[in-house]
Amino acid sequence: MRAATQLTLEPLYARAASVTADHSKSFYFATRFFPPHLARSAHAVYWFCRYTDDLVDECSDPEQGRRELDRWAAEIEHGFAHGFSEHPVLIPFLDAQRRHRIPREYARELIVGMRMDLNNTRYRN
């Protein structure tokens, strides 16, 4: 099992914080009240959820969205099985998931929810 080194993790955790700050200012602000190790893990989890949601939301073709989601789900399962991924979003997420014993089922439930989004009709606002 290969584990990401701190040298690898630091820029990815910084990217996770940047994505959180750019896309959820109030949540990012709230994480400033967390101890630093929890804030960076929260940013990693946010980035993972955001990336997963964007796979579906940014895809105009539901079939392509399903393929992307299937590929992503396989990448997540590979990361769980081997403790490592080369995907920049998964590296800090897997680190946070291990450190805080986040149940793997939560990631799987997110995928299930995104699959449901693909089956829903979308309406213009």
Foldseek 3Di string as FASTA:
>chain_A
DDADDPVLVPVLLVVLLVVCCVPPVVVSVVLVPPPVVVSSQVSLVVLLLVVLLCLLVVDPDLVSSVVVLVVVVVQLVVCVVVVDHPDSSVNSNSVSCVVVVPDPVVVVVSSVVSNVVSVDDDDDD
